[in-house]
Amino acid sequence: MPIATKGAVKHLLPEEVKALGASVILGNTYHLWLRPGNELIARAGGLHKFMDWDGLILTDSGGFQVFSLGARAKERFGMSGVKISEEGVEFSDPKNGNRYFLSPEISIDIQLDLGSDIIMVLDECPPYPCTREYAKSSLERTTRWAKRAKEHFEEKVKGREKRPLLFGIIQGSVYEDLRQESAKQLLEIGFDGYAIGGVAVGEPRETLKDVLAWTLPSIPEDKPRYLMGLGRPEEIVRAVEAGVDMFDCVIPTREGRHGRLFIWTGEDLNLEGSFYETINIGNEQHREDFSPVDSLCDCHLCTHYTRAYLRHLFTVDEPLAGRLASVHNLRFYLRMMEKLREK
């Protein structure tokens, strides 16, 4: 899922994102709630109409940003103000210091206002590292919040002919028994799909393999399995082979905006990652390279422009540079997913 944090995939038109092969995008509940506000978007006819996207939209719960942006608020205003209670979480906006309160029920209401097709429940995302005791307490609170979120959701969508899907989020840090316990508790509540959270919060990358091995056997194969916030191409290949269905990550567009591009090597997809390489288009070696950025890619950049031209755009700070690089990297990732479905 390409990331449309604030109601747009950076630099790209919705029809371009669709043409690259995306059928689902991810919107950010936290950012859209704070600016321009869920009520305004509801009055506009929902996020689909507001941003002119006719595909599916998954929105996260806002919980991850509440915790991750707390440090930024602390830096600017002296305190992050992130206070977790049984009712929810209170926090400061890092932009202006304004105080907000987010509960499982409020998160559901915001996402329903946005018109999301896939709604995530509010969870507590524990930091890495954390003690087993903290992780256990955190996952138990996440379960209680998930139960409240589902009850509130069912009440709000009662009588609707068409309703969104609701996903629970499995936590438990890097503790095998806690991961399995979290999955068990959420399965007892019952959700349309299950996400694996807490795997992109600073833990060693090698723990991903273990977390998947501990968690995936607990999730029924007929339910969507969503790995949140990952990742590098070889990590996605590994996760798909383990049984994961859905992914989101800022890597394709963020790396593109910084001039780093993913290039096919011609090898088949593999766990080692030798099927691709990355290049920094700003390097001097590309100054007079009039070949395509990637001769194996069918995106607009690779079929119309050269490495020398793209390097020139980045050198002179032309905004088109980040746009073209984002097109390429997103096409690389979405083509990789197509290849994985073909396997």
C-alpha atoms as a PDB file:
ATOM      1  CA  MET A   1       0.000   0.000   0.000  1.00  0.00           C
ATOM      2  CA  PRO A   2       1.515   3.338  -1.053  1.00  0.00           C
ATOM      3  CA  ILE A   3       1.443   5.858   1.784  1.00  0.00           C
ATOM      4  CA  ALA A   4      -0.945   8.800   1.450  1.00  0.00           C
ATOM      5  CA  THR A   5      -0.262  10.164   4.928  1.00  0.00           C
ATOM      6  CA  LYS A   6      -2.109  13.474   4.642  1.00  0.00           C
ATOM      7  CA  GLY A   7      -4.485  12.565   1.842  1.00  0.00           C
ATOM      8  CA  ALA A   8      -1.953  12.361  -1.007  1.00  0.00           C
ATOM      9  CA  VAL A   9       0.857  10.073  -2.126  1.00  0.00           C
ATOM     10  CA  LYS A  10       3.673  12.633  -2.198  1.00  0.00           C
ATOM     11  CA  HIS A  11       4.190  14.188  -5.656  1.00  0.00           C
ATOM     12  CA  LEU A  12       1.739  11.869  -7.430  1.00  0.00           C
ATOM     13  CA  LEU A  13      -1.809  12.136  -8.769  1.00  0.00           C
ATOM     14  CA  PRO A  14      -4.261   9.417  -7.699  1.00  0.00           C
ATOM     15  CA  GLU A  15      -4.664   8.181 -11.281  1.00  0.00           C
ATOM     16  CA  GLU A  16      -0.873   7.804 -11.540  1.00  0.00           C
ATOM     17  CA  VAL A  17      -0.773   5.740  -8.345  1.00  0.00           C
ATOM     18  CA  LYS A  18      -3.516   3.515  -9.727  1.00  0.00           C
ATOM     19  CA  ALA A  19      -1.739   3.141 -13.089  1.00  0.00           C
ATOM     20  CA  LEU A  20       1.385   1.956 -11.246  1.00  0.00           C
ATOM     21  CA  GLY A  21      -0.621  -1.012  -9.952  1.00  0.00           C
ATOM     22  CA  ALA A  22      -1.914   0.094  -6.555  1.00  0.00           C
ATOM     23  CA  SER A  23      -5.453  -0.868  -5.542  1.00  0.00           C
ATOM     24  CA  VAL A  24      -5.193   0.167  -1.869  1.00  0.00           C
ATOM     25  CA  ILE A  25      -3.526   3.190  -0.281  1.00  0.00           C
ATOM     26  CA  LEU A  26      -2.915   4.039   3.373  1.00  0.00           C
ATOM     27  CA  GLY A  27      -4.164   7.255   4.961  1.00  0.00           C
ATOM     28  CA  ASN A  28      -3.015   8.468   8.355  1.00  0.00           C
ATOM     29  CA  THR A  29      -5.750   8.941  10.952  1.00  0.00           C
ATOM     30  CA  TYR A  30      -3.576  11.049  13.288  1.00  0.00           C
ATOM     31  CA  HIS A  31      -2.520  13.600  10.659  1.00  0.00           C
ATOM     32  CA  LEU A  32      -5.916  13.867   8.954  1.00  0.00           C
ATOM     33  CA  TRP A  33      -7.646  14.275  12.331  1.00  0.00           C
ATOM     34  CA  LEU A  34      -5.377  17.168  13.311  1.00  0.00           C
ATOM     35  CA  ARG A  35      -5.353  18.785   9.864  1.00  0.00           C
ATOM     36  CA  PRO A  36      -7.795  19.432   8.168  1.00  0.00           C
ATOM     37  CA  GLY A  37     -10.022  17.488  10.583  1.00  0.00           C
ATOM     38  CA  ASN A  38     -12.217  14.431  10.151  1.00  0.00           C
ATOM     39  CA  GLU A  39     -15.435  16.464  10.275  1.00  0.00           C
ATOM     40  CA  LEU A  40     -14.347  18.632   7.338  1.00  0.00           C
ATOM     41  CA  ILE A  41     -13.422  15.526   5.326  1.00  0.00           C
ATOM     42  CA  ALA A  42     -16.801  13.971   6.176  1.00  0.00           C
ATOM     43  CA  ARG A  43     -18.560  17.107   4.901  1.00  0.00           C
ATOM     44  CA  ALA A  44     -16.521  16.815   1.696  1.00  0.00           C
ATOM     45  CA  GLY A  45     -17.989  13.351   1.155  1.00  0.00           C
ATOM     46  CA  GLY A  46     -15.199  11.306   2.741  1.00  0.00           C
ATOM     47  CA  LEU A  47     -11.508  10.877   1.983  1.00  0.00           C
ATOM     48  CA  HIS A  48     -12.121   9.060  -1.330  1.00  0.00           C
ATOM     49  CA  LYS A  49     -13.957  12.043  -2.750  1.00  0.00           C
ATOM     50  CA  PHE A  50     -11.785  14.626  -0.990  1.00  0.00           C
ATOM     51  CA  MET A  51      -8.594  13.291  -2.622  1.00  0.00           C
ATOM     52  CA  ASP A  52     -10.249  11.817  -5.746  1.00  0.00           C
ATOM     53  CA  TRP A  53      -9.187   8.216  -5.127  1.00  0.00           C
ATOM     54  CA  ASP A  54     -11.607   5.519  -6.292  1.00  0.00           C
ATOM     55  CA  GLY A  55      -9.650   2.561  -4.916  1.00  0.00           C
ATOM     56  CA  LEU A  56      -9.650   1.230  -1.372  1.00  0.00           C
ATOM     57  CA  ILE A  57      -8.303   3.141   1.631  1.00  0.00           C
ATOM     58  CA  LEU A  58      -6.862   1.643   4.800  1.00  0.00           C
ATOM     59  CA  THR A  59      -6.409   4.049   7.691  1.00  0.00           C
ATOM     60  CA  ASP A  60      -4.237   3.331  10.701  1.00  0.00           C
ATOM     61  CA  SER A  61      -5.567   4.045  14.175  1.00  0.00           C
ATOM     62  CA  GLY A  62      -3.304   7.027  14.941  1.00  0.00           C
ATOM     63  CA  GLY A  63      -1.676   5.256  17.869  1.00  0.00           C
ATOM     64  CA  PHE A  64       1.775   4.849  16.347  1.00  0.00           C
ATOM     65  CA  GLN A  65       2.054   8.589  15.597  1.00  0.00           C
ATOM     66  CA  VAL A  66       0.843   9.534  19.070  1.00  0.00           C
ATOM     67  CA  PHE A  67       3.787   7.687  20.584  1.00  0.00           C
ATOM     68  CA  SER A  68       6.423   8.284  17.891  1.00  0.00           C
ATOM     69  CA  LEU A  69       5.778  12.024  17.571  1.00  0.00           C
ATOM     70  CA  GLY A  70       5.804  12.524  21.332  1.00  0.00           C
ATOM     71  CA  ALA A  71       9.566  13.015  21.256  1.00  0.00           C
ATOM     72  CA  ARG A  72       9.182  15.790  18.686  1.00  0.00           C
ATOM     73  CA  ALA A  73       6.637  17.590  20.857  1.00  0.00           C
ATOM     74  CA  LYS A  74       8.980  17.231  23.825  1.00  0.00           C
ATOM     75  CA  GLU A  75      11.795  18.770  21.801  1.00  0.00           C
ATOM     76  CA  ARG A  76       9.705  21.803  20.804  1.00  0.00           C
ATOM     77  CA  PHE A  77       7.533  22.394  23.857  1.00  0.00           C
ATOM     78  CA  GLY A  78       9.485  20.839  26.716  1.00  0.00           C
ATOM     79  CA  MET A  79       7.183  17.882  27.245  1.00  0.00           C
ATOM     80  CA  SER A  80       5.529  15.385  24.957  1.00  0.00           C
ATOM     81  CA  GLY A  81       2.550  15.087  27.237  1.00  0.00           C
ATOM     82  CA  VAL A  82       1.925  11.491  26.170  1.00  0.00           C
ATOM     83  CA  LYS A  83      -0.128  10.093  29.033  1.00  0.00           C
ATOM     84  CA  ILE A  84      -1.520   6.590  28.680  1.00  0.00           C
ATOM     85  CA  SER A  85      -4.516   5.600  30.751  1.00  0.00           C
ATOM     86  CA  GLU A  86      -7.115   2.884  30.563  1.00  0.00           C
ATOM     87  CA  GLU A  87      -9.408   5.339  28.791  1.00  0.00           C
ATOM     88  CA  GLY A  88      -6.929   6.222  26.023  1.00  0.00           C
ATOM     89  CA  VAL A  89      -3.943   8.438  25.392  1.00  0.00           C
ATOM     90  CA  GLU A  90      -3.453  12.185  25.850  1.00  0.00           C
ATOM     91  CA  PHE A  91      -0.750  13.917  23.823  1.00  0.00           C
ATOM     92  CA  SER A  92       0.608  17.191  22.428  1.00  0.00           C
ATOM     93  CA  ASP A  93       0.589  18.194  18.771  1.00  0.00           C
ATOM     94  CA  PRO A  94       4.278  18.652  17.832  1.00  0.00           C
ATOM     95  CA  LYS A  95       3.287  21.472  15.454  1.00  0.00           C
ATOM     96  CA  ASN A  96       1.678  23.824  17.977  1.00  0.00           C
ATOM     97  CA  GLY A  97       1.584  22.140  21.386  1.00  0.00           C
ATOM     98  CA  ASN A  98      -2.230  21.757  21.407  1.00  0.00           C
ATOM     99  CA  ARG A  99      -3.528  18.965  23.621  1.00  0.00           C
ATOM    100  CA  TYR A 100      -5.602  16.065  22.286  1.00  0.00           C
ATOM    101  CA  PHE A 101      -7.127  12.886  23.652  1.00  0.00           C
ATOM    102  CA  LEU A 102      -7.497   9.714  21.585  1.00  0.00           C
ATOM    103  CA  SER A 103      -9.502   6.713  22.767  1.00  0.00           C
ATOM    104  CA  PRO A 104     -10.404   3.466  20.975  1.00  0.00           C
ATOM    105  CA  GLU A 105     -13.881   4.842  20.358  1.00  0.00           C
ATOM    106  CA  ILE A 106     -12.676   8.236  19.084  1.00  0.00           C
ATOM    107  CA  SER A 107     -10.267   6.504  16.683  1.00  0.00           C
ATOM    108  CA  ILE A 108     -13.158   4.475  15.231  1.00  0.00           C
ATOM    109  CA  ASP A 109     -15.324   7.595  14.881  1.00  0.00           C
ATOM    110  CA  ILE A 110     -12.553   9.471  13.039  1.00  0.00           C
ATOM    111  CA  GLN A 111     -11.974   6.611  10.613  1.00  0.00           C
ATOM    112  CA  LEU A 112     -15.688   6.234   9.935  1.00  0.00           C
ATOM    113  CA  ASP A 113     -15.835   9.959   9.181  1.00  0.00           C
ATOM    114  CA  LEU A 114     -12.938   9.508   6.761  1.00  0.00           C
ATOM    115  CA  GLY A 115     -14.895   6.761   5.008  1.00  0.00           C
ATOM    116  CA  SER A 116     -12.148   4.163   5.343  1.00  0.00           C
ATOM    117  CA  ASP A 117     -12.581   0.738   3.774  1.00  0.00           C
ATOM    118  CA  ILE A 118     -10.248  -0.926   6.286  1.00  0.00           C
ATOM    119  CA  ILE A 119     -10.148   0.431   9.842  1.00  0.00           C
ATOM    120  CA  MET A 120      -7.452  -0.330  12.402  1.00  0.00           C
ATOM    121  CA  VAL A 121      -8.172  -0.481  16.127  1.00  0.00           C
ATOM    122  CA  LEU A 122      -6.190   1.724  18.507  1.00  0.00           C
ATOM    123  CA  ASP A 123      -3.232  -0.115  20.034  1.00  0.00           C
ATOM    124  CA  GLU A 124      -0.370   0.767  22.328  1.00  0.00           C
ATOM    125  CA  CYS A 125       2.902   0.464  20.453  1.00  0.00           C
ATOM    126  CA  PRO A 126       5.591  -0.400  23.030  1.00  0.00           C
ATOM    127  CA  PRO A 127       9.082   0.960  22.432  1.00  0.00           C
ATOM    128  CA  TYR A 128      12.126  -1.207  21.786  1.00  0.00           C
ATOM    129  CA  PRO A 129      13.700  -2.309  23.994  1.00  0.00           C
ATOM    130  CA  CYS A 130      11.132  -2.850  26.730  1.00  0.00           C
ATOM    131  CA  THR A 131      10.879  -5.328  29.577  1.00  0.00           C
ATOM    132  CA  ARG A 132       8.708  -8.419  29.347  1.00  0.00           C
ATOM    133  CA  GLU A 133       6.527  -7.006  32.122  1.00  0.00           C
ATOM    134  CA  TYR A 134       5.948  -3.777  30.198  1.00  0.00           C
ATOM    135  CA  ALA A 135       5.232  -5.655  26.959  1.00  0.00           C
ATOM    136  CA  LYS A 136       2.730  -7.902  28.763  1.00  0.00           C
ATOM    137  CA  SER A 137       0.918  -4.986  30.375  1.00  0.00           C
ATOM    138  CA  SER A 138       0.902  -3.141  27.051  1.00  0.00           C
ATOM    139  CA  LEU A 139      -0.544  -6.004  25.033  1.00  0.00           C
ATOM    140  CA  GLU A 140      -3.258  -6.587  27.651  1.00  0.00           C
ATOM    141  CA  ARG A 141      -4.254  -2.922  27.395  1.00  0.00           C
ATOM    142  CA  THR A 142      -4.204  -3.245  23.604  1.00  0.00           C
ATOM    143  CA  THR A 143      -6.603  -6.195  23.903  1.00  0.00           C
ATOM    144  CA  ARG A 144      -8.972  -4.268  26.159  1.00  0.00           C
ATOM    145  CA  TRP A 145      -8.872  -1.313  23.763  1.00  0.00           C
ATOM    146  CA  ALA A 146      -9.497  -3.673  20.827  1.00  0.00           C
ATOM    147  CA  LYS A 147     -12.586  -5.104  22.537  1.00  0.00           C
ATOM    148  CA  ARG A 148     -13.949  -1.617  23.182  1.00  0.00           C
ATOM    149  CA  ALA A 149     -13.160  -0.555  19.608  1.00  0.00           C
ATOM    150  CA  LYS A 150     -15.026  -3.528  18.152  1.00  0.00           C
ATOM    151  CA  GLU A 151     -18.074  -2.990  20.347  1.00  0.00           C
ATOM    152  CA  HIS A 152     -18.202   0.690  19.402  1.00  0.00           C
ATOM    153  CA  PHE A 153     -17.635  -0.118  15.726  1.00  0.00           C
ATOM    154  CA  GLU A 154     -20.443  -2.698  15.622  1.00  0.00           C
ATOM    155  CA  GLU A 155     -22.830  -0.226  17.200  1.00  0.00           C
ATOM    156  CA  LYS A 156     -21.908   2.532  14.722  1.00  0.00           C
ATOM    157  CA  VAL A 157     -22.226   0.376  11.572  1.00  0.00           C
ATOM    158  CA  LYS A 158     -25.376  -1.442  12.664  1.00  0.00           C
ATOM    159  CA  GLY A 159     -27.907  -1.506   9.844  1.00  0.00           C
ATOM    160  CA  ARG A 160     -25.428  -0.482   7.156  1.00  0.00           C
ATOM    161  CA  GLU A 161     -25.736  -2.379   3.897  1.00  0.00           C
ATOM    162  CA  LYS A 162     -22.000  -1.979   3.285  1.00  0.00           C
ATOM    163  CA  ARG A 163     -19.563  -1.712   6.171  1.00  0.00           C
ATOM    164  CA  PRO A 164     -15.797  -1.333   6.403  1.00  0.00           C
ATOM    165  CA  LEU A 165     -13.494  -4.117   7.567  1.00  0.00           C
ATOM    166  CA  LEU A 166     -12.047  -3.921  11.075  1.00  0.00           C
ATOM    167  CA  PHE A 167      -8.529  -5.207  11.838  1.00  0.00           C
ATOM    168  CA  GLY A 168      -6.952  -6.011  15.200  1.00  0.00           C
ATOM    169  CA  ILE A 169      -3.237  -5.427  15.881  1.00  0.00           C
ATOM    170  CA  ILE A 170      -1.042  -8.093  17.461  1.00  0.00           C
ATOM    171  CA  GLN A 171       1.624  -6.789  19.848  1.00  0.00           C
ATOM    172  CA  GLY A 172       4.012  -8.453  22.323  1.00  0.00           C
ATOM    173  CA  SER A 173       7.392  -6.960  21.393  1.00  0.00           C
ATOM    174  CA  VAL A 174      10.127  -9.589  20.917  1.00  0.00           C
ATOM    175  CA  TYR A 175       8.669 -12.139  23.348  1.00  0.00           C
ATOM    176  CA  GLU A 176       7.411 -15.361  21.763  1.00  0.00           C
ATOM    177  CA  ASP A 177       4.785 -16.250  24.352  1.00  0.00           C
ATOM    178  CA  LEU A 178       3.434 -12.689  24.422  1.00  0.00           C
ATOM    179  CA  ARG A 179       3.069 -12.552  20.647  1.00  0.00           C
ATOM    180  CA  GLN A 180       1.110 -15.788  20.746  1.00  0.00           C
ATOM    181  CA  GLU A 181      -0.981 -14.612  23.685  1.00  0.00           C
ATOM    182  CA  SER A 182      -1.817 -11.348  21.923  1.00  0.00           C
ATOM    183  CA  ALA A 183      -2.948 -13.221  18.809  1.00  0.00           C
ATOM    184  CA  LYS A 184      -5.060 -15.604  20.915  1.00  0.00           C
ATOM    185  CA  GLN A 185      -6.794 -12.753  22.741  1.00  0.00           C
ATOM    186  CA  LEU A 186      -7.602 -10.868  19.526  1.00  0.00           C
ATOM    187  CA  LEU A 187      -8.885 -14.019  17.803  1.00  0.00           C
ATOM    188  CA  GLU A 188     -11.282 -14.526  20.693  1.00  0.00           C
ATOM    189  CA  ILE A 189     -12.677 -11.027  20.065  1.00  0.00           C
ATOM    190  CA  GLY A 190     -12.838 -11.693  16.324  1.00  0.00           C
ATOM    191  CA  PHE A 191     -11.763  -9.335  13.537  1.00  0.00           C
ATOM    192  CA  ASP A 192     -11.961  -9.218   9.745  1.00  0.00           C
ATOM    193  CA  GLY A 193      -8.167  -9.231   9.515  1.00  0.00           C
ATOM    194  CA  TYR A 194      -5.111  -9.189  11.754  1.00  0.00           C
ATOM    195  CA  ALA A 195      -2.065  -6.931  11.689  1.00  0.00           C
ATOM    196  CA  ILE A 196       1.349  -7.599  13.176  1.00  0.00           C
ATOM    197  CA  GLY A 197       2.493  -4.387  14.850  1.00  0.00           C
ATOM    198  CA  GLY A 198       5.633  -3.342  16.662  1.00  0.00           C
ATOM    199  CA  VAL A 199       8.125  -4.626  14.077  1.00  0.00           C
ATOM    200  CA  ALA A 200       9.371  -1.238  12.848  1.00  0.00           C
ATOM    201  CA  VAL A 201      10.090   0.561  16.124  1.00  0.00           C
ATOM    202  CA  GLY A 202      13.860   0.133  16.339  1.00  0.00           C
ATOM    203  CA  GLU A 203      14.222  -3.564  17.062  1.00  0.00           C
ATOM    204  CA  PRO A 204      17.017  -5.514  15.277  1.00  0.00           C
ATOM    205  CA  ARG A 205      15.903  -6.424  11.754  1.00  0.00           C
ATOM    206  CA  GLU A 206      16.807 -10.074  12.320  1.00  0.00           C
ATOM    207  CA  THR A 207      13.999 -10.409  14.886  1.00  0.00           C
ATOM    208  CA  LEU A 208      11.403 -10.064  12.107  1.00  0.00           C
ATOM    209  CA  LYS A 209      11.843 -13.689  11.051  1.00  0.00           C
ATOM    210  CA  ASP A 210      11.195 -14.840  14.612  1.00  0.00           C
ATOM    211  CA  VAL A 211       8.155 -12.604  15.141  1.00  0.00           C
ATOM    212  CA  LEU A 212       6.570 -13.953  11.951  1.00  0.00           C
ATOM    213  CA  ALA A 213       7.306 -17.560  12.943  1.00  0.00           C
ATOM    214  CA  TRP A 214       5.743 -16.995  16.377  1.00  0.00           C
ATOM    215  CA  THR A 215       2.696 -15.116  15.170  1.00  0.00           C
ATOM    216  CA  LEU A 216       1.512 -16.245  11.733  1.00  0.00           C
ATOM    217  CA  PRO A 217       0.533 -19.836  12.692  1.00  0.00           C
ATOM    218  CA  SER A 218      -2.035 -18.317  15.068  1.00  0.00           C
ATOM    219  CA  ILE A 219      -3.786 -16.302  12.326  1.00  0.00           C
ATOM    220  CA  PRO A 220      -6.302 -18.238  10.188  1.00  0.00           C
ATOM    221  CA  GLU A 221      -5.253 -18.455   6.536  1.00  0.00           C
ATOM    222  CA  ASP A 222      -8.642 -17.161   5.378  1.00  0.00           C
ATOM    223  CA  LYS A 223      -8.079 -13.845   7.189  1.00  0.00           C
ATOM    224  CA  PRO A 224      -5.894 -11.059   5.749  1.00  0.00           C
ATOM    225  CA  ARG A 225      -2.497 -10.850   7.447  1.00  0.00           C
ATOM    226  CA  TYR A 226      -0.988  -7.375   7.516  1.00  0.00           C
ATOM    227  CA  LEU A 227       2.625  -6.602   8.464  1.00  0.00           C
ATOM    228  CA  MET A 228       2.723  -2.935   9.457  1.00  0.00           C
ATOM    229  CA  GLY A 229       5.483  -0.540   8.421  1.00  0.00           C
ATOM    230  CA  LEU A 230       7.742  -2.938   6.482  1.00  0.00           C
ATOM    231  CA  GLY A 231       9.948  -2.820   4.603  1.00  0.00           C
ATOM    232  CA  ARG A 232      12.941  -3.549   2.409  1.00  0.00           C
ATOM    233  CA  PRO A 233      12.320  -5.697  -0.683  1.00  0.00           C
ATOM    234  CA  GLU A 234      13.946  -8.853   0.690  1.00  0.00           C
ATOM    235  CA  GLU A 235      11.978  -8.474   3.936  1.00  0.00           C
ATOM    236  CA  ILE A 236       8.739  -8.397   1.979  1.00  0.00           C
ATOM    237  CA  VAL A 237       9.750 -11.498   0.001  1.00  0.00           C
ATOM    238  CA  ARG A 238      10.500 -13.325   3.256  1.00  0.00           C
ATOM    239  CA  ALA A 239       7.231 -12.205   4.824  1.00  0.00           C
ATOM    240  CA  VAL A 240       5.149 -13.239   1.806  1.00  0.00           C
ATOM    241  CA  GLU A 241       6.767 -16.675   1.855  1.00  0.00           C
ATOM    242  CA  ALA A 242       5.878 -16.879   5.552  1.00  0.00           C
ATOM    243  CA  GLY A 243       2.221 -16.072   4.760  1.00  0.00           C
ATOM    244  CA  VAL A 244       1.783 -12.270   4.996  1.00  0.00           C
ATOM    245  CA  ASP A 245      -0.645 -10.607   2.560  1.00  0.00           C
ATOM    246  CA  MET A 246      -0.452  -6.838   3.145  1.00  0.00           C
ATOM    247  CA  PHE A 247       2.290  -4.267   3.624  1.00  0.00           C
ATOM    248  CA  ASP A 248       2.827  -0.523   3.857  1.00  0.00           C
ATOM    249  CA  CYS A 249       6.022   1.487   3.975  1.00  0.00           C
ATOM    250  CA  VAL A 250       7.331   4.982   3.216  1.00  0.00           C
ATOM    251  CA  ILE A 251      10.557   3.575   1.752  1.00  0.00           C
ATOM    252  CA  PRO A 252       9.687   3.777  -1.988  1.00  0.00           C
ATOM    253  CA  THR A 253       8.659   7.443  -2.046  1.00  0.00           C
ATOM    254  CA  ARG A 254      10.977   8.650   0.724  1.00  0.00           C
ATOM    255  CA  GLU A 255      14.044   7.051  -0.874  1.00  0.00           C
ATOM    256  CA  GLY A 256      12.964   8.342  -4.267  1.00  0.00           C
ATOM    257  CA  ARG A 257      12.778  11.928  -3.024  1.00  0.00           C
ATOM    258  CA  HIS A 258      16.389  11.574  -1.859  1.00  0.00           C
ATOM    259  CA  GLY A 259      17.610  10.235  -5.201  1.00  0.00           C
ATOM    260  CA  ARG A 260      17.929   6.584  -4.199  1.00  0.00           C
ATOM    261  CA  LEU A 261      16.370   4.180  -6.682  1.00  0.00           C
ATOM    262  CA  PHE A 262      15.674   0.444  -6.714  1.00  0.00           C
ATOM    263  CA  ILE A 263      16.981  -1.327  -9.832  1.00  0.00           C
ATOM    264  CA  TRP A 264      16.184  -4.858 -11.026  1.00  0.00           C
ATOM    265  CA  THR A 265      19.262  -7.072 -11.534  1.00  0.00           C
ATOM    266  CA  GLY A 266      17.465  -9.693 -13.609  1.00  0.00           C
ATOM    267  CA  GLU A 267      17.636 -12.388 -10.939  1.00  0.00           C
ATOM    268  CA  ASP A 268      14.514 -14.092  -9.627  1.00  0.00           C
ATOM    269  CA  LEU A 269      13.063 -12.910  -6.330  1.00  0.00           C
ATOM    270  CA  ASN A 270      15.000 -14.384  -3.407  1.00  0.00           C
ATOM    271  CA  LEU A 271      15.521 -13.994   0.321  1.00  0.00           C
ATOM    272  CA  GLU A 272      19.065 -12.643  -0.106  1.00  0.00           C
ATOM    273  CA  GLY A 273      17.896  -9.563  -2.004  1.00  0.00           C
ATOM    274  CA  SER A 274      20.206 -10.097  -4.992  1.00  0.00           C
ATOM    275  CA  PHE A 275      17.268  -9.492  -7.328  1.00  0.00           C
ATOM    276  CA  TYR A 276      17.768  -5.735  -6.926  1.00  0.00           C
ATOM    277  CA  GLU A 277      20.359  -3.096  -6.224  1.00  0.00           C
ATOM    278  CA  THR A 278      20.067   0.535  -5.181  1.00  0.00           C
ATOM    279  CA  ILE A 279      21.758   3.453  -6.876  1.00  0.00           C
ATOM    280  CA  ASN A 280      22.262   7.049  -5.794  1.00  0.00           C
ATOM    281  CA  ILE A 281      21.421   8.996  -8.934  1.00  0.00           C
ATOM    282  CA  GLY A 282      23.380  12.004  -7.673  1.00  0.00           C
ATOM    283  CA  ASN A 283      26.711  10.201  -8.063  1.00  0.00           C
ATOM    284  CA  GLU A 284      29.096  11.612 -10.669  1.00  0.00           C
ATOM    285  CA  GLN A 285      29.132   8.327 -12.624  1.00  0.00           C
ATOM    286  CA  HIS A 286      25.598   9.076 -13.859  1.00  0.00           C
ATOM    287  CA  ARG A 287      26.419  12.572 -15.200  1.00  0.00           C
ATOM    288  CA  GLU A 288      26.813  11.435 -18.818  1.00  0.00           C
ATOM    289  CA  ASP A 289      24.932   8.155 -18.642  1.00  0.00           C
ATOM    290  CA  PHE A 290      22.277   8.329 -21.346  1.00  0.00           C
ATOM    291  CA  SER A 291      20.859   4.883 -20.657  1.00  0.00           C
ATOM    292  CA  PRO A 292      17.513   4.306 -18.889  1.00  0.00           C
ATOM    293  CA  VAL A 293      17.529   4.345 -15.106  1.00  0.00           C
ATOM    294  CA  ASP A 294      16.445   0.683 -15.265  1.00  0.00           C
ATOM    295  CA  SER A 295      16.229  -1.143 -18.595  1.00  0.00           C
ATOM    296  CA  LEU A 296      14.008  -3.816 -16.976  1.00  0.00           C
ATOM    297  CA  CYS A 297      11.398  -1.328 -15.719  1.00  0.00           C
ATOM    298  CA  ASP A 298       8.280  -0.196 -17.597  1.00  0.00           C
ATOM    299  CA  CYS A 299       7.605   3.015 -15.608  1.00  0.00           C
ATOM    300  CA  HIS A 300       7.384   6.469 -17.203  1.00  0.00           C
ATOM    301  CA  LEU A 301      10.833   7.473 -15.962  1.00  0.00           C
ATOM    302  CA  CYS A 302      12.562   4.435 -17.427  1.00  0.00           C
ATOM    303  CA  THR A 303      10.737   4.516 -20.772  1.00  0.00           C
ATOM    304  CA  HIS A 304      11.190   8.255 -21.407  1.00  0.00           C
ATOM    305  CA  TYR A 305      14.278   9.599 -19.616  1.00  0.00           C
ATOM    306  CA  THR A 306      17.922   8.835 -18.914  1.00  0.00           C
ATOM    307  CA  ARG A 307      20.043   8.616 -15.797  1.00  0.00           C
ATOM    308  CA  ALA A 308      21.840  11.773 -16.890  1.00  0.00           C
ATOM    309  CA  TYR A 309      18.572  13.697 -17.116  1.00  0.00           C
ATOM    310  CA  LEU A 310      17.315  12.531 -13.711  1.00  0.00           C
ATOM    311  CA  ARG A 311      20.680  13.358 -12.123  1.00  0.00           C
ATOM    312  CA  HIS A 312      20.490  16.828 -13.686  1.00  0.00           C
ATOM    313  CA  LEU A 313      17.014  17.391 -12.189  1.00  0.00           C
ATOM    314  CA  PHE A 314      18.246  16.454  -8.712  1.00  0.00           C
ATOM    315  CA  THR A 315      21.372  18.592  -9.119  1.00  0.00           C
ATOM    316  CA  VAL A 316      19.337  21.725  -9.856  1.00  0.00           C
ATOM    317  CA  ASP A 317      16.682  20.934  -7.216  1.00  0.00           C
ATOM    318  CA  GLU A 318      13.934  20.563  -9.792  1.00  0.00           C
ATOM    319  CA  PRO A 319      10.788  19.120  -8.069  1.00  0.00           C
ATOM    320  CA  LEU A 320      10.188  16.859 -11.069  1.00  0.00           C
ATOM    321  CA  ALA A 321      13.186  14.824  -9.909  1.00  0.00           C
ATOM    322  CA  GLY A 322      11.491  13.523  -6.764  1.00  0.00           C
ATOM    323  CA  ARG A 323       8.272  12.952  -8.671  1.00  0.00           C
ATOM    324  CA  LEU A 324       9.901  10.781 -11.352  1.00  0.00           C
ATOM    325  CA  ALA A 325      11.987   8.867  -8.803  1.00  0.00           C
ATOM    326  CA  SER A 326       8.873   8.205  -6.701  1.00  0.00           C
ATOM    327  CA  VAL A 327       7.047   6.887  -9.773  1.00  0.00           C
ATOM    328  CA  HIS A 328       9.912   4.489 -10.433  1.00  0.00           C
ATOM    329  CA  ASN A 329      10.314   3.225  -6.872  1.00  0.00           C
ATOM    330  CA  LEU A 330       6.588   2.683  -6.401  1.00  0.00           C
ATOM    331  CA  ARG A 331       6.437   0.778  -9.684  1.00  0.00           C
ATOM    332  CA  PHE A 332       9.383  -1.348  -8.518  1.00  0.00           C
ATOM    333  CA  TYR A 333       7.576  -2.265  -5.286  1.00  0.00           C
ATOM    334  CA  LEU A 334       4.201  -2.874  -6.922  1.00  0.00           C
ATOM    335  CA  ARG A 335       5.801  -4.970  -9.688  1.00  0.00           C
ATOM    336  CA  MET A 336       7.575  -6.968  -6.983  1.00  0.00           C
ATOM    337  CA  MET A 337       4.171  -7.686  -5.428  1.00  0.00           C
ATOM    338  CA  GLU A 338       2.850  -8.742  -8.843  1.00  0.00           C
ATOM    339  CA  LYS A 339       5.794 -11.129  -9.219  1.00  0.00           C
ATOM    340  CA  LEU A 340       5.145 -12.562  -5.748  1.00  0.00           C
ATOM    341  CA  ARG A 341       1.503 -13.209  -6.641  1.00  0.00           C
ATOM    342  CA  GLU A 342       2.650 -14.955  -9.818  1.00  0.00           C
ATOM    343  CA  LYS A 343       4.949 -17.351  -7.928  1.00  0.00           C
END
